[in-house]
Protein backbone atom coordinates (compact mmCIF):
# COMPACT_ATOMS: atom_id res chain seq x y z
CA MET A 1 0.00 0.02 0.00
CA ILE A 2 1.16 3.51 -0.81
CA THR A 3 -0.06 6.56 1.07
CA LEU A 4 -0.05 9.84 -0.91
CA SER A 5 0.60 13.22 0.62
CA SER A 6 -3.08 14.05 0.15
CA GLY A 7 -3.93 11.26 2.63
CA LYS A 8 -5.37 8.93 -0.03
CA GLN A 9 -4.06 5.37 -0.17
CA ILE A 10 -3.47 3.00 -3.12
CA GLY A 11 -3.25 -0.74 -2.57
CA THR A 12 -5.12 -4.04 -2.62
CA ASP A 13 -7.26 -3.35 0.44
CA CYS A 14 -8.00 0.22 -0.43
CA PRO A 15 -10.79 1.81 -2.52
CA THR A 16 -9.80 2.00 -6.18
CA TYR A 17 -7.92 5.29 -6.90
CA ILE A 18 -9.80 6.66 -9.83
CA ILE A 19 -7.97 9.08 -12.18
CA ALA A 20 -9.68 11.25 -14.78
CA GLU A 21 -6.89 11.90 -17.39
CA ILE A 22 -7.53 15.39 -18.72
CA GLY A 23 -4.20 15.31 -20.56
CA ILE A 24 -4.36 17.89 -23.34
CA ASN A 25 -8.09 17.46 -23.84
CA HIS A 26 -8.46 21.02 -22.54
CA ASN A 27 -7.08 22.15 -25.95
CA GLY A 28 -5.07 25.00 -24.27
CA SER A 29 -8.27 26.48 -22.58
CA LEU A 30 -8.08 26.97 -18.79
CA ASP A 31 -11.88 27.31 -18.78
CA ILE A 32 -12.30 23.88 -20.34
CA ALA A 33 -9.75 22.49 -17.89
CA LYS A 34 -11.67 23.84 -14.89
CA GLN A 35 -14.95 22.41 -16.30
CA LEU A 36 -13.29 19.06 -16.60
CA ILE A 37 -11.98 19.23 -12.98
CA GLN A 38 -15.36 20.13 -11.62
CA GLU A 39 -17.04 17.36 -13.53
CA ALA A 40 -14.43 14.90 -12.35
CA ALA A 41 -14.93 15.93 -8.75
CA THR A 42 -18.72 15.70 -9.19
CA ALA A 43 -18.35 12.23 -10.50
CA GLY A 44 -16.35 11.18 -7.45
CA CYS A 45 -12.91 10.70 -9.08
CA ASP A 46 -9.99 10.84 -6.73
CA ALA A 47 -7.63 12.75 -9.10
CA VAL A 48 -7.30 14.52 -12.41
CA LYS A 49 -4.14 14.21 -14.39
CA PHE A 50 -2.54 16.53 -16.88
CA GLN A 51 0.51 16.35 -19.15
CA LYS A 52 3.51 18.65 -19.09
CA ARG A 53 6.08 18.97 -21.88
CA THR A 54 8.94 21.31 -22.86
CA PRO A 55 8.08 21.29 -26.67
CA VAL A 56 11.64 22.00 -27.81
CA LEU A 57 12.79 18.92 -26.04
CA CYS A 58 9.93 16.54 -26.79
CA VAL A 59 9.08 17.34 -30.42
CA PRO A 60 11.48 15.75 -32.88
CA ARG A 61 13.25 18.43 -34.93
CA GLU A 62 11.86 17.01 -38.23
CA GLN A 63 8.38 17.66 -37.05
CA TRP A 64 8.80 21.27 -35.94
CA HIS A 65 7.78 22.87 -39.21
CA GLN A 66 5.22 20.24 -40.36
CA LYS A 67 1.86 21.98 -41.01
CA ARG A 68 -1.31 20.68 -39.41
CA ASP A 69 -4.96 21.84 -39.34
CA THR A 70 -5.93 23.02 -35.76
CA PRO A 71 -8.65 25.07 -34.08
CA TRP A 72 -6.18 27.97 -34.48
CA GLY A 73 -5.88 27.50 -38.23
CA ARG A 74 -3.18 25.72 -40.22
CA ILE A 75 -0.07 26.12 -38.15
CA THR A 76 3.22 24.20 -37.58
CA TYR A 77 3.34 21.32 -35.16
CA MET A 78 5.59 23.27 -32.84
CA GLN A 79 3.19 26.18 -32.76
CA TYR A 80 0.44 23.72 -31.95
CA ARG A 81 2.47 22.19 -29.06
CA HIS A 82 2.91 25.58 -27.51
CA LYS A 83 -0.81 26.41 -27.95
CA VAL A 84 -1.90 23.37 -25.73
CA GLU A 85 0.93 23.81 -23.14
CA PHE A 86 -0.12 25.41 -19.87
CA GLY A 87 2.32 27.68 -18.01
CA TYR A 88 2.78 28.61 -14.41
CA GLU A 89 -0.25 30.83 -14.11
CA GLU A 90 -2.57 28.21 -15.57
CA PHE A 91 -1.31 25.49 -13.30
CA ALA A 92 -1.41 27.75 -10.30
CA GLU A 93 -5.08 28.29 -11.02
CA ILE A 94 -5.58 24.52 -11.55
CA ASP A 95 -3.79 23.84 -8.25
CA SER A 96 -6.07 26.33 -6.35
CA TYR A 97 -9.22 24.99 -7.89
CA CYS A 98 -8.37 21.34 -7.25
CA LYS A 99 -7.66 22.20 -3.53
CA GLU A 100 -10.99 24.05 -3.39
CA LEU A 101 -12.75 21.00 -4.78
CA GLY A 102 -10.82 18.45 -2.67
CA ILE A 103 -9.46 16.51 -5.61
CA ASP A 104 -5.87 15.43 -6.20
CA TRP A 105 -4.05 16.55 -9.38
CA PHE A 106 -0.75 15.62 -10.89
CA ALA A 107 0.90 15.27 -14.28
CA SER A 108 2.76 12.96 -16.65
CA CYS A 109 6.08 14.76 -17.20
CA TRP A 110 7.67 14.15 -20.62
CA ASP A 111 11.14 15.64 -19.88
CA GLU A 112 13.26 16.53 -16.94
CA PRO A 113 12.69 20.28 -16.87
CA SER A 114 8.95 19.55 -16.69
CA VAL A 115 9.54 17.58 -13.50
CA ASP A 116 11.15 20.65 -11.97
CA PHE A 117 8.19 22.77 -13.13
CA ILE A 118 5.49 20.53 -11.75
CA GLU A 119 7.46 19.96 -8.53
CA LYS A 120 6.73 23.61 -7.67
CA PHE A 121 3.11 22.58 -6.97
CA ASP A 122 4.03 19.62 -4.73
CA PRO A 123 1.92 16.90 -6.46
CA PRO A 124 1.07 13.81 -4.50
CA VAL A 125 2.30 11.41 -7.20
CA TYR A 126 3.97 11.48 -10.68
CA LYS A 127 3.04 9.41 -13.76
CA ALA A 128 5.43 8.16 -16.40
CA ALA A 129 3.66 7.83 -19.68
CA SER A 130 4.13 4.55 -21.60
CA ALA A 131 6.31 6.44 -24.14
CA SER A 132 8.71 7.27 -21.25
CA LEU A 133 9.08 3.81 -19.79
CA THR A 134 12.61 3.31 -21.43
CA ASP A 135 13.78 6.85 -20.49
CA HIS A 136 15.49 5.80 -17.38
CA ALA A 137 17.00 9.24 -16.69
CA LEU A 138 13.53 10.78 -16.73
CA LEU A 139 12.15 7.94 -14.41
CA ALA A 140 15.04 8.59 -11.97
CA LYS A 141 14.36 12.31 -12.08
CA MET A 142 10.64 11.81 -11.06
CA LYS A 143 11.64 9.27 -8.51
CA SER A 144 14.19 11.69 -7.00
CA THR A 145 11.36 13.98 -5.82
CA GLY A 146 10.37 11.41 -3.20
CA LYS A 147 6.90 11.26 -4.58
CA PRO A 148 5.30 7.87 -5.61
CA LEU A 149 5.74 7.12 -9.37
CA MET A 150 3.21 5.39 -11.53
CA LEU A 151 4.78 3.46 -14.49
CA SER A 152 2.53 2.93 -17.53
CA THR A 153 3.51 -0.10 -19.60
CA GLY A 154 1.85 0.37 -22.97
CA MET A 155 3.90 -0.31 -26.16
CA SER A 156 6.41 -2.21 -24.05
CA GLN A 157 7.94 -5.62 -23.86
CA VAL A 158 8.22 -7.48 -20.51
CA GLU A 159 12.01 -7.01 -20.66
CA GLU A 160 11.53 -3.27 -20.88
CA ILE A 161 9.30 -3.23 -17.82
CA PHE A 162 11.89 -5.15 -15.82
CA ALA A 163 14.71 -2.85 -17.16
CA ALA A 164 12.80 0.11 -15.82
CA VAL A 165 12.22 -1.42 -12.45
CA ASP A 166 15.83 -2.47 -12.22
CA ALA A 167 16.80 1.10 -12.97
CA ILE A 168 14.68 2.84 -10.35
CA GLY A 169 13.63 0.02 -7.87
CA LEU A 170 10.18 -0.79 -6.67
CA ASP A 171 10.06 1.41 -3.58
CA ASN A 172 7.27 3.89 -3.90
CA VAL A 173 6.43 2.59 -7.32
CA LEU A 174 3.09 1.63 -8.88
CA ILE A 175 2.64 -0.14 -12.21
CA ALA A 176 -0.16 0.25 -14.68
CA HIS A 177 -1.07 -2.21 -17.34
CA SER A 178 -1.94 -0.39 -20.60
CA THR A 179 -2.25 -0.84 -24.37
CA SER A 180 -1.31 2.36 -26.21
CA ALA A 181 -3.92 2.42 -29.00
CA TYR A 182 -6.49 5.21 -29.21
CA PRO A 183 -9.08 3.82 -29.11
CA CYS A 184 -7.95 0.32 -28.22
CA PRO A 185 -9.80 -2.69 -29.67
CA LEU A 186 -11.19 -5.09 -27.08
CA HIS A 187 -9.05 -8.05 -28.22
CA GLU A 188 -5.93 -6.05 -27.43
CA LEU A 189 -6.84 -4.88 -23.92
CA ASN A 190 -5.33 -8.11 -22.51
CA LEU A 191 -6.66 -7.42 -19.00
CA ARG A 192 -5.05 -10.67 -17.65
CA MET A 193 -1.85 -8.68 -17.70
CA ILE A 194 -3.09 -7.25 -14.44
CA HIS A 195 -2.62 -10.76 -12.95
CA THR A 196 0.64 -11.24 -14.70
CA LEU A 197 2.13 -7.97 -13.39
CA GLY A 198 0.78 -8.87 -9.95
CA ASP A 199 2.67 -12.11 -10.24
CA TYR A 200 5.89 -10.37 -11.35
CA PHE A 201 5.65 -7.71 -8.60
CA PRO A 202 3.56 -9.04 -5.79
CA ALA A 203 4.25 -6.26 -3.34
CA THR A 204 3.61 -3.48 -5.87
CA PRO A 205 0.14 -1.83 -6.42
CA ILE A 206 -0.95 -2.76 -9.97
CA GLY A 207 -3.44 -0.59 -11.91
CA TYR A 208 -4.91 -0.13 -15.31
CA SER A 209 -4.73 2.75 -17.78
CA GLY A 210 -7.44 2.29 -20.41
CA HIS A 211 -7.88 3.81 -23.84
CA GLU A 212 -10.85 1.80 -25.00
CA THR A 213 -14.32 2.96 -25.77
CA GLY A 214 -16.98 1.92 -23.20
CA LEU A 215 -16.84 1.36 -19.55
CA ALA A 216 -17.42 -2.30 -18.76
CA THR A 217 -13.78 -3.30 -19.37
CA THR A 218 -12.54 -0.70 -16.90
CA VAL A 219 -14.89 -2.03 -14.32
CA ALA A 220 -13.64 -5.54 -15.13
CA ALA A 221 -10.03 -4.40 -14.58
CA VAL A 222 -11.06 -3.42 -11.02
CA ALA A 223 -12.75 -6.87 -10.46
CA MET A 224 -9.49 -8.39 -11.69
CA GLY A 225 -7.50 -6.54 -9.01
CA ALA A 226 -6.48 -3.18 -10.39
CA CYS A 227 -5.79 -0.87 -7.44
CA PHE A 228 -6.02 2.26 -9.51
CA VAL A 229 -7.59 3.03 -12.91
CA GLU A 230 -7.12 5.89 -15.29
CA ARG A 231 -9.33 6.92 -18.32
CA HIS A 232 -9.01 9.87 -20.55
CA PHE A 233 -11.73 12.46 -19.81
CA THR A 234 -13.42 14.89 -22.06
CA LEU A 235 -16.50 17.20 -22.09
CA ASP A 236 -17.44 15.92 -25.53
CA ARG A 237 -15.78 13.13 -27.59
CA ALA A 238 -16.53 15.15 -30.74
CA MET A 239 -14.12 17.90 -29.66
CA TRP A 240 -10.95 18.46 -31.62
CA GLY A 241 -7.88 16.50 -30.39
CA SER A 242 -6.24 13.08 -30.83
CA ASP A 243 -7.28 11.67 -27.48
CA GLN A 244 -10.92 12.69 -27.47
CA ALA A 245 -12.40 9.64 -29.22
CA ALA A 246 -10.98 7.27 -26.56
CA SER A 247 -12.18 9.57 -23.62
CA VAL A 248 -15.00 9.24 -21.28
CA GLU A 249 -17.61 12.08 -21.06
CA PRO A 250 -19.00 13.39 -17.73
CA VAL A 251 -22.16 11.19 -17.67
CA GLY A 252 -19.97 8.14 -18.43
CA MET A 253 -17.50 9.01 -15.78
CA ARG A 254 -20.20 9.30 -13.10
CA ARG A 255 -21.44 5.91 -14.14
CA LEU A 256 -17.96 4.43 -14.21
CA VAL A 257 -17.21 5.65 -10.70
CA SER A 258 -20.50 4.38 -9.47
CA ASP A 259 -19.98 0.87 -11.06
CA ILE A 260 -16.45 0.65 -9.59
CA ARG A 261 -17.70 1.39 -6.15
CA SER A 262 -20.57 -1.21 -6.59
CA VAL A 263 -17.97 -3.85 -7.59
CA GLU A 264 -15.80 -3.02 -4.62
CA GLU A 265 -18.77 -3.50 -2.26
CA ALA A 266 -19.81 -6.69 -4.00
CA LYS A 267 -16.31 -8.35 -3.88
CA GLY A 268 -16.61 -9.21 -0.16
CA ASP A 269 -14.00 -11.04 1.91
CA GLY A 270 -14.14 -14.47 0.30
CA VAL A 271 -15.33 -16.22 3.41
CA LYS A 272 -18.52 -18.26 2.89
CA LYS A 273 -21.38 -17.50 5.39
CA VAL A 274 -25.13 -17.46 5.64
CA TYR A 275 -26.39 -13.89 5.61
CA ASP A 276 -29.34 -12.65 7.65
CA SER A 277 -30.97 -11.77 4.28
CA GLU A 278 -30.97 -15.52 3.33
CA MET A 279 -32.67 -16.75 6.57
CA GLY A 280 -36.27 -16.43 5.16
CA ALA A 281 -35.44 -18.32 2.06
CA LEU A 282 -33.51 -20.93 4.02
CA SER A 283 -36.54 -21.61 6.34
CA LYS A 284 -38.98 -21.74 3.47
CA LEU A 285 -37.00 -23.59 0.69
CA ARG A 286 -34.48 -25.93 2.27
CA ARG A 287 -36.24 -29.26 2.81
CA VAL A 288 -33.35 -31.42 4.02
CA LYS A 289 -31.39 -30.17 6.94
CA ALA A 290 -27.58 -30.61 6.73
CA GLU A 291 -26.07 -33.37 8.91
CA PRO A 292 -24.09 -32.06 11.79
CA ALA A 293 -20.37 -31.77 10.96
CA LEU A 294 -18.17 -34.41 12.48
CA ALA A 295 -15.68 -33.18 15.13
């Protein structure tokens, strides 16, 4: 079990830690970001997550001047990356708003200067995106903050997962199963990897970062033992942006949280017993009494 600075806990015997991944679905608008935070809090999510990049470090040079159609017109990819990147003032407003609503927030940092930037806000946890799993220097940078670190494992071989763990250790680490397709077809979700990762790392909280359409499979991930789940979150899947189609809208997120909490309640303790609610049926329907058990 890992206890966050916010007081929330993530582990096998804890309520599922539910993350609404806002990412860059705000399209550079602080107003949209705040609407998403409010909707996530209303749905009962534990946290919202953003992404933070230093574009000059994260965008390959050959893509800098490629043109693309955007809500701001036809601009270069580098111009687009700057349009959707929040700065200090926006994140300060996000930090204040999340504290007001009582919801955690943190970010996936895609480069080392971004870790220094986000650390100014003292997040309860960091997330390494699947694309960063093999960037051991970046993983070490996030780990050096002393905060828990979630590793997402999409687009990765088992050997790469073990290499990342060997590089940074398992102390204060959480691991999320993921398949990095947007949206991901059902036959590639491979939810049994939750069990496989649990077998590989039995003392480590295992979670699920989903990019599928629909909600049932994320609920199933919880039933299969995921200690935390993450789904991309949007106001409207028809909005412009590469992650919108694989995102959950507010009504869906409220249903997802409700269904996860129902599954948690229904899982029980695994000890067979006769409940008081069964006694009426027992007295009416059982015709043959059980023989006393031998000593």
